[in-house]
Amino acid sequence: SEPSLRARAAFLLHCLLREHPRLREPLIRQGLVARAT
Protein backbone atom coordinates (compact mmCIF):
# COMPACT_ATOMS: atom_id res chain seq x y z
CA SER A 1 0.00 0.00 0.00
CA GLU A 2 3.10 2.22 0.22
CA PRO A 3 3.63 4.02 -3.14
CA SER A 4 7.39 4.45 -2.75
CA LEU A 5 7.82 0.74 -2.00
CA ARG A 6 5.77 -0.24 -5.06
CA ALA A 7 7.78 2.15 -7.24
CA ARG A 8 11.14 0.86 -6.00
CA ALA A 9 10.08 -2.77 -6.44
CA ALA A 10 8.78 -2.12 -9.96
CA PHE A 11 12.00 -0.26 -10.86
CA LEU A 12 14.25 -3.06 -9.62
CA LEU A 13 12.21 -5.83 -11.24
CA HIS A 14 12.18 -3.91 -14.53
CA CYS A 15 15.97 -3.48 -14.36
CA LEU A 16 16.56 -7.13 -13.46
CA LEU A 17 14.39 -8.35 -16.33
CA ARG A 18 16.29 -6.12 -18.77
CA GLU A 19 19.72 -7.16 -17.47
CA HIS A 20 18.94 -10.85 -16.83
CA PRO A 21 16.36 -12.31 -19.23
CA ARG A 22 16.82 -15.72 -17.54
CA LEU A 23 14.77 -14.36 -14.62
CA ARG A 24 11.67 -14.13 -16.80
CA GLU A 25 10.51 -17.71 -16.21
CA PRO A 26 11.03 -17.84 -12.42
CA LEU A 27 9.27 -14.49 -12.02
CA ILE A 28 6.36 -15.57 -14.21
CA ARG A 29 6.00 -18.73 -12.09
CA GLN A 30 5.84 -16.54 -8.99
CA GLY A 31 2.90 -14.60 -10.40
CA LEU A 32 4.70 -11.46 -11.57
CA VAL A 33 2.39 -10.90 -14.55
CA ALA A 34 -0.71 -10.85 -12.34
CA ARG A 35 1.00 -8.61 -9.79
CA ALA A 36 2.18 -6.14 -12.44
CA THR A 37 -1.28 -6.10 -13.99
PDB file of all heavy atoms in Angstrom:
ATOM      1  N   SER A   1       0.831  -1.209   0.000  1.00  0.00           N
ATOM      2  CA  SER A   1       0.000   0.000   0.000  1.00  0.00           C
ATOM      3  C   SER A   1       0.866   1.261   0.000  1.00  0.00           C
ATOM      4  O   SER A   1       0.354   2.361  -0.171  1.00  0.00           O
ATOM      5  CB  SER A   1      -0.926  -0.001   1.224  1.00  0.00           C
ATOM      6  OG  SER A   1      -0.155  -0.011   2.412  1.00  0.00           O
ATOM      7  N   GLU A   2       2.163   1.098   0.186  1.00  0.00           N
ATOM      8  CA  GLU A   2       3.105   2.216   0.224  1.00  0.00           C
ATOM      9  C   GLU A   2       3.601   2.525  -1.189  1.00  0.00           C
ATOM     10  O   GLU A   2       4.308   1.721  -1.800  1.00  0.00           O
ATOM     11  CB  GLU A   2       4.285   1.865   1.128  1.00  0.00           C
ATOM     12  CG  GLU A   2       5.395   2.871   1.165  1.00  0.00           C
ATOM     13  CD  GLU A   2       4.956   4.220   1.691  1.00  0.00           C
ATOM     14  OE1 GLU A   2       4.160   4.261   2.646  1.00  0.00           O
ATOM     15  OE2 GLU A   2       5.407   5.235   1.129  1.00  0.00           O
ATOM     16  N   PRO A   3       3.247   3.699  -1.747  1.00  0.00           N
ATOM     17  CA  PRO A   3       3.630   4.020  -3.136  1.00  0.00           C
ATOM     18  C   PRO A   3       5.134   3.964  -3.403  1.00  0.00           C
ATOM     19  O   PRO A   3       5.556   3.469  -4.453  1.00  0.00           O
ATOM     20  CB  PRO A   3       3.092   5.436  -3.344  1.00  0.00           C
ATOM     21  CG  PRO A   3       2.015   5.598  -2.331  1.00  0.00           C
ATOM     22  CD  PRO A   3       2.421   4.753  -1.152  1.00  0.00           C
ATOM     23  N   SER A   4       5.946   4.452  -2.475  1.00  0.00           N
ATOM     24  CA  SER A   4       7.391   4.447  -2.747  1.00  0.00           C
ATOM     25  C   SER A   4       7.946   3.026  -2.769  1.00  0.00           C
ATOM     26  O   SER A   4       8.878   2.733  -3.521  1.00  0.00           O
ATOM     27  CB  SER A   4       8.142   5.300  -1.723  1.00  0.00           C
ATOM     28  OG  SER A   4       8.045   4.746  -0.429  1.00  0.00           O
ATOM     29  N   LEU A   5       7.367   2.134  -1.990  1.00  0.00           N
ATOM     30  CA  LEU A   5       7.823   0.743  -2.005  1.00  0.00           C
ATOM     31  C   LEU A   5       7.429   0.073  -3.315  1.00  0.00           C
ATOM     32  O   LEU A   5       8.236  -0.645  -3.924  1.00  0.00           O
ATOM     33  CB  LEU A   5       7.233  -0.011  -0.807  1.00  0.00           C
ATOM     34  CG  LEU A   5       7.763  -1.418  -0.577  1.00  0.00           C
ATOM     35  CD1 LEU A   5       9.272  -1.416  -0.395  1.00  0.00           C
ATOM     36  CD2 LEU A   5       7.081  -2.031   0.625  1.00  0.00           C
ATOM     37  N   ARG A   6       6.194   0.307  -3.769  1.00  0.00           N
ATOM     38  CA  ARG A   6       5.766  -0.237  -5.058  1.00  0.00           C
ATOM     39  C   ARG A   6       6.658   0.261  -6.184  1.00  0.00           C
ATOM     40  O   ARG A   6       7.075  -0.502  -7.059  1.00  0.00           O
ATOM     41  CB  ARG A   6       4.320   0.167  -5.359  1.00  0.00           C
ATOM     42  CG  ARG A   6       3.276  -0.603  -4.621  1.00  0.00           C
ATOM     43  CD  ARG A   6       1.888  -0.365  -5.208  1.00  0.00           C
ATOM     44  NE  ARG A   6       1.570   1.030  -5.437  1.00  0.00           N
ATOM     45  CZ  ARG A   6       0.957   1.834  -4.569  1.00  0.00           C
ATOM     46  NH1 ARG A   6       0.609   1.371  -3.388  1.00  0.00           N
ATOM     47  NH2 ARG A   6       0.689   3.085  -4.866  1.00  0.00           N
ATOM     48  N   ALA A   7       6.961   1.558  -6.172  1.00  0.00           N
ATOM     49  CA  ALA A   7       7.783   2.145  -7.236  1.00  0.00           C
ATOM     50  C   ALA A   7       9.196   1.568  -7.233  1.00  0.00           C
ATOM     51  O   ALA A   7       9.739   1.241  -8.297  1.00  0.00           O
ATOM     52  CB  ALA A   7       7.829   3.663  -7.085  1.00  0.00           C
ATOM     53  N   ARG A   8       9.789   1.414  -6.061  1.00  0.00           N
ATOM     54  CA  ARG A   8      11.143   0.856  -5.996  1.00  0.00           C
ATOM     55  C   ARG A   8      11.160  -0.604  -6.451  1.00  0.00           C
ATOM     56  O   ARG A   8      12.083  -1.040  -7.140  1.00  0.00           O
ATOM     57  CB  ARG A   8      11.703   0.970  -4.576  1.00  0.00           C
ATOM     58  CG  ARG A   8      12.057   2.385  -4.183  1.00  0.00           C
ATOM     59  CD  ARG A   8      12.720   2.403  -2.809  1.00  0.00           C
ATOM     60  NE  ARG A   8      12.816   3.730  -2.267  1.00  0.00           N
ATOM     61  CZ  ARG A   8      13.701   4.638  -2.624  1.00  0.00           C
ATOM     62  NH1 ARG A   8      14.575   4.361  -3.567  1.00  0.00           N
ATOM     63  NH2 ARG A   8      13.717   5.828  -2.054  1.00  0.00           N
ATOM     64  N   ALA A   9      10.141  -1.362  -6.041  1.00  0.00           N
ATOM     65  CA  ALA A   9      10.080  -2.772  -6.443  1.00  0.00           C
ATOM     66  C   ALA A   9       9.900  -2.890  -7.957  1.00  0.00           C
ATOM     67  O   ALA A   9      10.562  -3.702  -8.607  1.00  0.00           O
ATOM     68  CB  ALA A   9       8.943  -3.480  -5.710  1.00  0.00           C
ATOM     69  N   ALA A  10       9.018  -2.078  -8.514  1.00  0.00           N
ATOM     70  CA  ALA A  10       8.783  -2.116  -9.960  1.00  0.00           C
ATOM     71  C   ALA A  10      10.050  -1.723 -10.711  1.00  0.00           C
ATOM     72  O   ALA A  10      10.410  -2.350 -11.719  1.00  0.00           O
ATOM     73  CB  ALA A  10       7.620  -1.200 -10.332  1.00  0.00           C
ATOM     74  N   PHE A  11      10.747  -0.691 -10.228  1.00  0.00           N
ATOM     75  CA  PHE A  11      11.995  -0.264 -10.864  1.00  0.00           C
ATOM     76  C   PHE A  11      13.021  -1.388 -10.866  1.00  0.00           C
ATOM     77  O   PHE A  11      13.616  -1.712 -11.903  1.00  0.00           O
ATOM     78  CB  PHE A  11      12.562   0.966 -10.142  1.00  0.00           C
ATOM     79  CG  PHE A  11      13.957   1.307 -10.569  1.00  0.00           C
ATOM     80  CD1 PHE A  11      14.191   1.961 -11.773  1.00  0.00           C
ATOM     81  CD2 PHE A  11      15.043   0.976  -9.779  1.00  0.00           C
ATOM     82  CE1 PHE A  11      15.488   2.269 -12.180  1.00  0.00           C
ATOM     83  CE2 PHE A  11      16.339   1.274 -10.174  1.00  0.00           C
ATOM     84  CZ  PHE A  11      16.556   1.926 -11.376  1.00  0.00           C
ATOM     85  N   LEU A  12      13.228  -2.013  -9.705  1.00  0.00           N
ATOM     86  CA  LEU A  12      14.251  -3.059  -9.622  1.00  0.00           C
ATOM     87  C   LEU A  12      13.875  -4.269 -10.471  1.00  0.00           C
ATOM     88  O   LEU A  12      14.717  -4.806 -11.199  1.00  0.00           O
ATOM     89  CB  LEU A  12      14.487  -3.475  -8.167  1.00  0.00           C
ATOM     90  CG  LEU A  12      15.534  -4.569  -7.956  1.00  0.00           C
ATOM     91  CD1 LEU A  12      16.863  -4.221  -8.621  1.00  0.00           C
ATOM     92  CD2 LEU A  12      15.716  -4.844  -6.482  1.00  0.00           C
ATOM     93  N   LEU A  13      12.622  -4.690 -10.419  1.00  0.00           N
ATOM     94  CA  LEU A  13      12.206  -5.826 -11.239  1.00  0.00           C
ATOM     95  C   LEU A  13      12.362  -5.520 -12.725  1.00  0.00           C
ATOM     96  O   LEU A  13      12.824  -6.375 -13.494  1.00  0.00           O
ATOM     97  CB  LEU A  13      10.767  -6.216 -10.907  1.00  0.00           C
ATOM     98  CG  LEU A  13      10.615  -6.969  -9.589  1.00  0.00           C
ATOM     99  CD1 LEU A  13       9.165  -6.966  -9.130  1.00  0.00           C
ATOM    100  CD2 LEU A  13      11.159  -8.391  -9.715  1.00  0.00           C
ATOM    101  N   HIS A  14      12.006  -4.314 -13.123  1.00  0.00           N
ATOM    102  CA  HIS A  14      12.176  -3.905 -14.527  1.00  0.00           C
ATOM    103  C   HIS A  14      13.661  -3.976 -14.917  1.00  0.00           C
ATOM    104  O   HIS A  14      14.017  -4.526 -15.962  1.00  0.00           O
ATOM    105  CB  HIS A  14      11.604  -2.502 -14.714  1.00  0.00           C
ATOM    106  CG  HIS A  14      11.653  -2.000 -16.105  1.00  0.00           C
ATOM    107  ND1 HIS A  14      11.598  -0.667 -16.410  1.00  0.00           N
ATOM    108  CD2 HIS A  14      11.770  -2.628 -17.304  1.00  0.00           C
ATOM    109  CE1 HIS A  14      11.670  -0.505 -17.707  1.00  0.00           C
ATOM    110  NE2 HIS A  14      11.777  -1.682 -18.271  1.00  0.00           N
ATOM    111  N   CYS A  15      14.525  -3.436 -14.074  1.00  0.00           N
ATOM    112  CA  CYS A  15      15.971  -3.482 -14.359  1.00  0.00           C
ATOM    113  C   CYS A  15      16.484  -4.913 -14.429  1.00  0.00           C
ATOM    114  O   CYS A  15      17.251  -5.266 -15.338  1.00  0.00           O
ATOM    115  CB  CYS A  15      16.742  -2.734 -13.272  1.00  0.00           C
ATOM    116  SG  CYS A  15      16.573  -0.959 -13.310  1.00  0.00           S
ATOM    117  N   LEU A  16      16.073  -5.747 -13.483  1.00  0.00           N
ATOM    118  CA  LEU A  16      16.556  -7.128 -13.462  1.00  0.00           C
ATOM    119  C   LEU A  16      16.099  -7.900 -14.694  1.00  0.00           C
ATOM    120  O   LEU A  16      16.864  -8.695 -15.252  1.00  0.00           O
ATOM    121  CB  LEU A  16      16.089  -7.835 -12.186  1.00  0.00           C
ATOM    122  CG  LEU A  16      16.743  -7.356 -10.890  1.00  0.00           C
ATOM    123  CD1 LEU A  16      16.131  -8.074  -9.691  1.00  0.00           C
ATOM    124  CD2 LEU A  16      18.253  -7.544 -10.921  1.00  0.00           C
ATOM    125  N   LEU A  17      14.869  -7.666 -15.127  1.00  0.00           N
ATOM    126  CA  LEU A  17      14.388  -8.347 -16.329  1.00  0.00           C
ATOM    127  C   LEU A  17      15.145  -7.899 -17.578  1.00  0.00           C
ATOM    128  O   LEU A  17      15.400  -8.702 -18.474  1.00  0.00           O
ATOM    129  CB  LEU A  17      12.889  -8.112 -16.506  1.00  0.00           C
ATOM    130  CG  LEU A  17      11.999  -8.936 -15.586  1.00  0.00           C
ATOM    131  CD1 LEU A  17      10.577  -8.408 -15.594  1.00  0.00           C
ATOM    132  CD2 LEU A  17      12.041 -10.403 -15.986  1.00  0.00           C
ATOM    133  N   ARG A  18      15.515  -6.619 -17.633  1.00  0.00           N
ATOM    134  CA  ARG A  18      16.293  -6.117 -18.772  1.00  0.00           C
ATOM    135  C   ARG A  18      17.704  -6.700 -18.756  1.00  0.00           C
ATOM    136  O   ARG A  18      18.238  -7.097 -19.784  1.00  0.00           O
ATOM    137  CB  ARG A  18      16.379  -4.587 -18.733  1.00  0.00           C
ATOM    138  CG  ARG A  18      15.297  -3.880 -19.458  1.00  0.00           C
ATOM    139  CD  ARG A  18      15.597  -2.399 -19.698  1.00  0.00           C
ATOM    140  NE  ARG A  18      16.561  -1.816 -18.809  1.00  0.00           N
ATOM    141  CZ  ARG A  18      16.282  -0.952 -17.818  1.00  0.00           C
ATOM    142  NH1 ARG A  18      15.051  -0.583 -17.607  1.00  0.00           N
ATOM    143  NH2 ARG A  18      17.226  -0.455 -17.070  1.00  0.00           N
ATOM    144  N   GLU A  19      18.330  -6.727 -17.584  1.00  0.00           N
ATOM    145  CA  GLU A  19      19.719  -7.164 -17.469  1.00  0.00           C
ATOM    146  C   GLU A  19      19.869  -8.685 -17.468  1.00  0.00           C
ATOM    147  O   GLU A  19      20.921  -9.199 -17.851  1.00  0.00           O
ATOM    148  CB  GLU A  19      20.340  -6.610 -16.182  1.00  0.00           C
ATOM    149  CG  GLU A  19      20.461  -5.098 -16.165  1.00  0.00           C
ATOM    150  CD  GLU A  19      20.873  -4.556 -14.797  1.00  0.00           C
ATOM    151  OE1 GLU A  19      21.290  -5.345 -13.919  1.00  0.00           O
ATOM    152  OE2 GLU A  19      20.760  -3.334 -14.610  1.00  0.00           O
ATOM    153  N   HIS A  20      18.844  -9.399 -17.007  1.00  0.00           N
ATOM    154  CA  HIS A  20      18.941 -10.853 -16.829  1.00  0.00           C
ATOM    155  C   HIS A  20      17.675 -11.526 -17.354  1.00  0.00           C
ATOM    156  O   HIS A  20      16.798 -11.909 -16.569  1.00  0.00           O
ATOM    157  CB  HIS A  20      19.139 -11.204 -15.350  1.00  0.00           C
ATOM    158  CG  HIS A  20      20.283 -10.488 -14.717  1.00  0.00           C
ATOM    159  ND1 HIS A  20      21.589 -10.892 -14.898  1.00  0.00           N
ATOM    160  CD2 HIS A  20      20.327  -9.382 -13.935  1.00  0.00           C
ATOM    161  CE1 HIS A  20      22.389 -10.066 -14.235  1.00  0.00           C
ATOM    162  NE2 HIS A  20      21.651  -9.144 -13.650  1.00  0.00           N
ATOM    163  N   PRO A  21      17.570 -11.698 -18.658  1.00  0.00           N
ATOM    164  CA  PRO A  21      16.362 -12.313 -19.226  1.00  0.00           C
ATOM    165  C   PRO A  21      16.053 -13.703 -18.660  1.00  0.00           C
ATOM    166  O   PRO A  21      14.907 -14.128 -18.675  1.00  0.00           O
ATOM    167  CB  PRO A  21      16.665 -12.388 -20.726  1.00  0.00           C
ATOM    168  CG  PRO A  21      17.721 -11.369 -20.961  1.00  0.00           C
ATOM    169  CD  PRO A  21      18.518 -11.272 -19.689  1.00  0.00           C
ATOM    170  N   ARG A  22      17.055 -14.396 -18.118  1.00  0.00           N
ATOM    171  CA  ARG A  22      16.822 -15.723 -17.542  1.00  0.00           C
ATOM    172  C   ARG A  22      15.870 -15.677 -16.347  1.00  0.00           C
ATOM    173  O   ARG A  22      15.294 -16.686 -15.955  1.00  0.00           O
ATOM    174  CB  ARG A  22      18.132 -16.368 -17.132  1.00  0.00           C
ATOM    175  CG  ARG A  22      18.793 -15.683 -15.947  1.00  0.00           C
ATOM    176  CD  ARG A  22      20.004 -16.435 -15.439  1.00  0.00           C
ATOM    177  NE  ARG A  22      20.595 -15.789 -14.305  1.00  0.00           N
ATOM    178  CZ  ARG A  22      20.112 -15.803 -13.073  1.00  0.00           C
ATOM    179  NH1 ARG A  22      19.007 -16.461 -12.804  1.00  0.00           N
ATOM    180  NH2 ARG A  22      20.724 -15.171 -12.087  1.00  0.00           N
ATOM    181  N   LEU A  23      15.673 -14.491 -15.768  1.00  0.00           N
ATOM    182  CA  LEU A  23      14.771 -14.360 -14.617  1.00  0.00           C
ATOM    183  C   LEU A  23      13.299 -14.356 -15.024  1.00  0.00           C
ATOM    184  O   LEU A  23      12.421 -14.467 -14.168  1.00  0.00           O
ATOM    185  CB  LEU A  23      15.085 -13.074 -13.840  1.00  0.00           C
ATOM    186  CG  LEU A  23      16.446 -13.005 -13.171  1.00  0.00           C
ATOM    187  CD1 LEU A  23      16.652 -11.642 -12.532  1.00  0.00           C
ATOM    188  CD2 LEU A  23      16.580 -14.114 -12.136  1.00  0.00           C
ATOM    189  N   ARG A  24      13.054 -14.222 -16.313  1.00  0.00           N
ATOM    190  CA  ARG A  24      11.674 -14.130 -16.801  1.00  0.00           C
ATOM    191  C   ARG A  24      10.832 -15.309 -16.321  1.00  0.00           C
ATOM    192  O   ARG A  24       9.763 -15.124 -15.740  1.00  0.00           O
ATOM    193  CB  ARG A  24      11.683 -14.039 -18.323  1.00  0.00           C
ATOM    194  CG  ARG A  24      10.324 -13.762 -18.925  1.00  0.00           C
ATOM    195  CD  ARG A  24      10.386 -13.586 -20.432  1.00  0.00           C
ATOM    196  NE  ARG A  24      11.297 -12.508 -20.783  1.00  0.00           N
ATOM    197  CZ  ARG A  24      12.222 -12.587 -21.734  1.00  0.00           C
ATOM    198  NH1 ARG A  24      12.351 -13.676 -22.454  1.00  0.00           N
ATOM    199  NH2 ARG A  24      13.011 -11.570 -21.987  1.00  0.00           N
ATOM    200  N   GLU A  25      11.304 -16.519 -16.563  1.00  0.00           N
ATOM    201  CA  GLU A  25      10.513 -17.711 -16.211  1.00  0.00           C
ATOM    202  C   GLU A  25      10.270 -17.843 -14.709  1.00  0.00           C
ATOM    203  O   GLU A  25       9.132 -18.059 -14.289  1.00  0.00           O
ATOM    204  CB  GLU A  25      11.169 -18.976 -16.772  1.00  0.00           C
ATOM    205  CG  GLU A  25      11.022 -19.116 -18.269  1.00  0.00           C
ATOM    206  CD  GLU A  25       9.573 -19.116 -18.725  1.00  0.00           C
ATOM    207  OE1 GLU A  25       8.719 -19.787 -18.104  1.00  0.00           O
ATOM    208  OE2 GLU A  25       9.278 -18.414 -19.715  1.00  0.00           O
ATOM    209  N   PRO A  26      11.306 -17.728 -13.853  1.00  0.00           N
ATOM    210  CA  PRO A  26      11.030 -17.839 -12.416  1.00  0.00           C
ATOM    211  C   PRO A  26      10.061 -16.756 -11.918  1.00  0.00           C
ATOM    212  O   PRO A  26       9.208 -17.030 -11.079  1.00  0.00           O
ATOM    213  CB  PRO A  26      12.399 -17.673 -11.745  1.00  0.00           C
ATOM    214  CG  PRO A  26      13.410 -17.798 -12.799  1.00  0.00           C
ATOM    215  CD  PRO A  26      12.739 -17.621 -14.119  1.00  0.00           C
ATOM    216  N   LEU A  27      10.172 -15.565 -12.456  1.00  0.00           N
ATOM    217  CA  LEU A  27       9.274 -14.493 -12.020  1.00  0.00           C
ATOM    218  C   LEU A  27       7.848 -14.714 -12.510  1.00  0.00           C
ATOM    219  O   LEU A  27       6.886 -14.435 -11.782  1.00  0.00           O
ATOM    220  CB  LEU A  27       9.812 -13.139 -12.481  1.00  0.00           C
ATOM    221  CG  LEU A  27      11.043 -12.649 -11.715  1.00  0.00           C
ATOM    222  CD1 LEU A  27      11.686 -11.472 -12.412  1.00  0.00           C
ATOM    223  CD2 LEU A  27      10.677 -12.305 -10.276  1.00  0.00           C
ATOM    224  N   ILE A  28       7.703 -15.253 -13.703  1.00  0.00           N
ATOM    225  CA  ILE A  28       6.363 -15.569 -14.209  1.00  0.00           C
ATOM    226  C   ILE A  28       5.729 -16.655 -13.338  1.00  0.00           C
ATOM    227  O   ILE A  28       4.560 -16.558 -12.967  1.00  0.00           O
ATOM    228  CB  ILE A  28       6.417 -15.985 -15.692  1.00  0.00           C
ATOM    229  CG1 ILE A  28       6.707 -14.753 -16.562  1.00  0.00           C
ATOM    230  CG2 ILE A  28       5.111 -16.653 -16.125  1.00  0.00           C
ATOM    231  CD1 ILE A  28       6.979 -15.070 -18.017  1.00  0.00           C
ATOM    232  N   ARG A  29       6.520 -17.666 -12.962  1.00  0.00           N
ATOM    233  CA  ARG A  29       6.003 -18.734 -12.095  1.00  0.00           C
ATOM    234  C   ARG A  29       5.567 -18.192 -10.738  1.00  0.00           C
ATOM    235  O   ARG A  29       4.674 -18.749 -10.103  1.00  0.00           O
ATOM    236  CB  ARG A  29       7.050 -19.833 -11.915  1.00  0.00           C
ATOM    237  CG  ARG A  29       7.154 -20.777 -13.100  1.00  0.00           C
ATOM    238  CD  ARG A  29       7.958 -22.031 -12.759  1.00  0.00           C
ATOM    239  NE  ARG A  29       9.291 -21.761 -12.253  1.00  0.00           N
ATOM    240  CZ  ARG A  29      10.373 -21.563 -13.014  1.00  0.00           C
ATOM    241  NH1 ARG A  29      10.269 -21.597 -14.327  1.00  0.00           N
ATOM    242  NH2 ARG A  29      11.550 -21.342 -12.464  1.00  0.00           N
ATOM    243  N   GLN A  30       6.190 -17.129 -10.281  1.00  0.00           N
ATOM    244  CA  GLN A  30       5.842 -16.536  -8.992  1.00  0.00           C
ATOM    245  C   GLN A  30       4.676 -15.556  -9.089  1.00  0.00           C
ATOM    246  O   GLN A  30       4.333 -14.905  -8.114  1.00  0.00           O
ATOM    247  CB  GLN A  30       7.062 -15.831  -8.390  1.00  0.00           C
ATOM    248  CG  GLN A  30       8.156 -16.778  -7.996  1.00  0.00           C
ATOM    249  CD  GLN A  30       9.390 -16.050  -7.502  1.00  0.00           C
ATOM    250  OE1 GLN A  30       9.393 -14.839  -7.301  1.00  0.00           O
ATOM    251  NE2 GLN A  30      10.460 -16.786  -7.307  1.00  0.00           N
ATOM    252  N   GLY A  31       4.086 -15.437 -10.262  1.00  0.00           N
ATOM    253  CA  GLY A  31       2.903 -14.596 -10.400  1.00  0.00           C
ATOM    254  C   GLY A  31       3.183 -13.143 -10.720  1.00  0.00           C
ATOM    255  O   GLY A  31       2.335 -12.279 -10.476  1.00  0.00           O
ATOM    256  N   LEU A  32       4.341 -12.858 -11.296  1.00  0.00           N
ATOM    257  CA  LEU A  32       4.696 -11.463 -11.569  1.00  0.00           C
ATOM    258  C   LEU A  32       3.749 -10.789 -12.557  1.00  0.00           C
ATOM    259  O   LEU A  32       3.423  -9.613 -12.383  1.00  0.00           O
ATOM    260  CB  LEU A  32       6.140 -11.361 -12.075  1.00  0.00           C
ATOM    261  CG  LEU A  32       6.641  -9.942 -12.332  1.00  0.00           C
ATOM    262  CD1 LEU A  32       6.648  -9.130 -11.031  1.00  0.00           C
ATOM    263  CD2 LEU A  32       8.015  -9.960 -12.953  1.00  0.00           C
ATOM    264  N   VAL A  33       3.277 -11.514 -13.553  1.00  0.00           N
ATOM    265  CA  VAL A  33       2.390 -10.900 -14.546  1.00  0.00           C
ATOM    266  C   VAL A  33       1.110 -10.409 -13.866  1.00  0.00           C
ATOM    267  O   VAL A  33       0.683  -9.272 -14.075  1.00  0.00           O
ATOM    268  CB  VAL A  33       2.085 -11.880 -15.704  1.00  0.00           C
ATOM    269  CG1 VAL A  33       1.014 -11.316 -16.622  1.00  0.00           C
ATOM    270  CG2 VAL A  33       3.359 -12.183 -16.480  1.00  0.00           C
ATOM    271  N   ALA A  34       0.515 -11.252 -13.038  1.00  0.00           N
ATOM    272  CA  ALA A  34      -0.710 -10.853 -12.338  1.00  0.00           C
ATOM    273  C   ALA A  34      -0.449  -9.675 -11.398  1.00  0.00           C
ATOM    274  O   ALA A  34      -1.252  -8.737 -11.309  1.00  0.00           O
ATOM    275  CB  ALA A  34      -1.275 -12.034 -11.562  1.00  0.00           C
ATOM    276  N   ARG A  35       0.676  -9.700 -10.712  1.00  0.00           N
ATOM    277  CA  ARG A  35       1.003  -8.606  -9.785  1.00  0.00           C
ATOM    278  C   ARG A  35       1.229  -7.291 -10.537  1.00  0.00           C
ATOM    279  O   ARG A  35       0.788  -6.233 -10.093  1.00  0.00           O
ATOM    280  CB  ARG A  35       2.228  -8.972  -8.954  1.00  0.00           C
ATOM    281  CG  ARG A  35       1.947 -10.044  -7.942  1.00  0.00           C
ATOM    282  CD  ARG A  35       3.202 -10.490  -7.240  1.00  0.00           C
ATOM    283  NE  ARG A  35       2.868 -11.399  -6.161  1.00  0.00           N
ATOM    284  CZ  ARG A  35       3.757 -12.079  -5.481  1.00  0.00           C
ATOM    285  NH1 ARG A  35       5.050 -11.956  -5.757  1.00  0.00           N
ATOM    286  NH2 ARG A  35       3.387 -12.882  -4.516  1.00  0.00           N
ATOM    287  N   ALA A  36       1.932  -7.363 -11.656  1.00  0.00           N
ATOM    288  CA  ALA A  36       2.178  -6.143 -12.436  1.00  0.00           C
ATOM    289  C   ALA A  36       0.878  -5.613 -13.024  1.00  0.00           C
ATOM    290  O   ALA A  36       0.659  -4.400 -13.082  1.00  0.00           O
ATOM    291  CB  ALA A  36       3.204  -6.410 -13.538  1.00  0.00           C
ATOM    292  N   THR A  37       0.013  -6.511 -13.447  1.00  0.00           N
ATOM    293  CA  THR A  37      -1.283  -6.097 -13.987  1.00  0.00           C
ATOM    294  C   THR A  37      -2.125  -5.426 -12.907  1.00  0.00           C
ATOM    295  O   THR A  37      -2.757  -4.386 -13.150  1.00  0.00           O
ATOM    296  CB  THR A  37      -2.026  -7.316 -14.575  1.00  0.00           C
ATOM    297  OG1 THR A  37      -1.193  -7.901 -15.577  1.00  0.00           O
ATOM    298  CG2 THR A  37      -3.344  -6.924 -15.195  1.00  0.00           C
TER     299      THR A  37
END
